[in-house]
């Protein structure tokens, strides 16, 4: 009985993670410029991977696997948004301007 509940929970977490990963992929294809694409990839991609790590931890129920899944999620949570921010900042100073629909450009010196 408990094994079936865990199997359903793992499946639900995998589906939720897949939906977030799909949203990140659609954002990469549909959003207008580099900055909004990076935002979609870093935020939704991190959530999708996080639910994947949670599903892995629940599926195995071994202490070492749970600890590695937790460590992987924490590492991804700390590095993905920071790296996306630094890449976007470097791209801006390299000359990639935001899309025309961007209303406020706080980096513009005007």
Protein backbone atom coordinates (compact mmCIF):
# COMPACT_ATOMS: atom_id res chain seq x y z
CA UNK A 1 0.00 0.00 0.00
CA UNK A 2 2.72 2.47 0.97
CA UNK A 3 4.78 1.48 -2.07
CA UNK A 4 1.87 2.36 -4.36
CA UNK A 5 1.41 5.76 -2.73
CA UNK A 6 5.12 6.50 -3.16
CA UNK A 7 4.92 5.42 -6.80
CA UNK A 8 2.03 7.80 -7.43
CA UNK A 9 3.87 10.62 -5.62
CA UNK A 10 6.99 10.02 -7.72
CA UNK A 11 4.88 10.06 -10.87
CA UNK A 12 3.16 13.30 -9.87
CA UNK A 13 6.47 14.99 -9.09
CA UNK A 14 7.90 13.85 -12.42
CA UNK A 15 4.87 15.22 -14.26
CA UNK A 16 5.11 18.56 -12.43
CA UNK A 17 8.85 18.73 -13.17
CA UNK A 18 8.15 17.91 -16.80
CA UNK A 19 5.57 20.68 -17.01
CA UNK A 20 8.04 23.22 -15.63
CA UNK A 21 10.74 21.97 -17.99
CA UNK A 22 8.30 22.22 -20.89
CA UNK A 23 7.46 25.78 -19.84
CA UNK A 24 11.18 26.60 -19.84
CA UNK A 25 11.57 25.12 -23.33
CA UNK A 26 8.56 27.01 -24.65
CA UNK A 27 9.93 30.19 -23.08
CA UNK A 28 13.23 29.65 -24.89
CA UNK A 29 11.39 29.40 -28.18
CA UNK A 30 8.71 32.06 -27.79
CA UNK A 31 10.14 34.91 -25.74
CA UNK A 32 11.48 37.91 -27.66
CA UNK A 33 15.02 38.49 -26.42
CA UNK A 34 18.01 36.99 -24.69
CA UNK A 35 17.11 38.29 -21.24
CA UNK A 36 13.58 36.93 -21.05
CA UNK A 37 14.77 33.62 -22.47
CA UNK A 38 17.46 33.36 -19.82
CA UNK A 39 14.87 34.17 -17.17
CA UNK A 40 12.59 31.37 -18.38
CA UNK A 41 15.43 28.87 -18.58
CA UNK A 42 16.88 29.66 -15.17
CA UNK A 43 13.65 29.89 -13.18
CA UNK A 44 11.40 27.26 -14.74
CA UNK A 45 14.32 24.97 -15.53
CA UNK A 46 15.47 25.05 -11.92
CA UNK A 47 11.99 24.18 -10.68
CA UNK A 48 11.67 21.36 -13.21
CA UNK A 49 14.98 19.87 -12.18
CA UNK A 50 14.09 20.34 -8.51
CA UNK A 51 10.94 18.28 -8.89
CA UNK A 52 13.01 15.68 -10.75
CA UNK A 53 15.47 15.52 -7.85
CA UNK A 54 12.56 15.19 -5.42
CA UNK A 55 11.14 12.32 -7.46
CA UNK A 56 14.54 10.59 -7.47
CA UNK A 57 14.82 10.97 -3.69
CA UNK A 58 11.33 9.55 -3.14
CA UNK A 59 11.82 6.69 -5.58
CA UNK A 60 15.00 5.41 -3.97
CA UNK A 61 14.43 6.07 -0.24
CA UNK A 62 18.11 5.37 0.39
CA UNK A 63 19.89 7.87 2.58
CA UNK A 64 22.86 8.37 0.26
CA UNK A 65 20.67 8.92 -2.82
CA UNK A 66 18.36 11.30 -0.93
CA UNK A 67 21.36 13.27 0.30
CA UNK A 68 22.87 13.48 -3.21
CA UNK A 69 19.54 14.53 -4.71
CA UNK A 70 19.16 17.21 -2.04
CA UNK A 71 22.74 18.40 -2.58
CA UNK A 72 22.20 18.50 -6.34
CA UNK A 73 19.04 20.56 -5.95
CA UNK A 74 20.69 23.01 -3.54
CA UNK A 75 23.66 23.38 -5.90
CA UNK A 76 21.35 24.03 -8.85
CA UNK A 77 19.22 26.43 -6.81
CA UNK A 78 22.30 28.45 -5.85
CA UNK A 79 24.12 28.45 -9.19
CA UNK A 80 21.49 28.72 -11.94
CA UNK A 81 20.00 32.13 -11.06
CA UNK A 82 23.42 33.62 -10.29
CA UNK A 83 24.98 32.39 -13.51
CA UNK A 84 21.96 33.59 -15.54
CA UNK A 85 22.28 37.03 -13.95
CA UNK A 86 26.00 37.25 -14.68
CA UNK A 87 25.55 36.06 -18.27
CA UNK A 88 22.74 38.58 -18.85
CA UNK A 89 24.84 41.38 -17.42
CA UNK A 90 27.80 40.43 -19.61
CA UNK A 91 25.53 40.22 -22.66
CA UNK A 92 24.13 43.68 -21.95
CA UNK A 93 27.56 45.24 -21.71
CA UNK A 94 28.62 43.36 -24.86
CA UNK A 95 25.90 45.21 -26.76
CA UNK A 96 22.82 42.98 -26.74
CA UNK A 97 19.92 45.35 -26.11
CA UNK A 98 16.55 44.29 -24.68
CA UNK A 99 13.56 43.82 -27.00
CA UNK A 100 11.49 46.82 -28.05
CA UNK A 101 8.64 45.72 -25.75
CA UNK A 102 10.85 46.31 -22.70
CA UNK A 103 9.48 49.39 -20.94
CA UNK A 104 12.19 50.07 -18.35
CA UNK A 105 15.91 49.64 -18.94
CA UNK A 106 17.60 50.36 -15.62
CA UNK A 107 21.04 49.65 -17.05
CA UNK A 108 20.72 52.37 -19.72
CA UNK A 109 22.80 55.43 -18.68
CA UNK A 110 20.31 57.92 -20.25
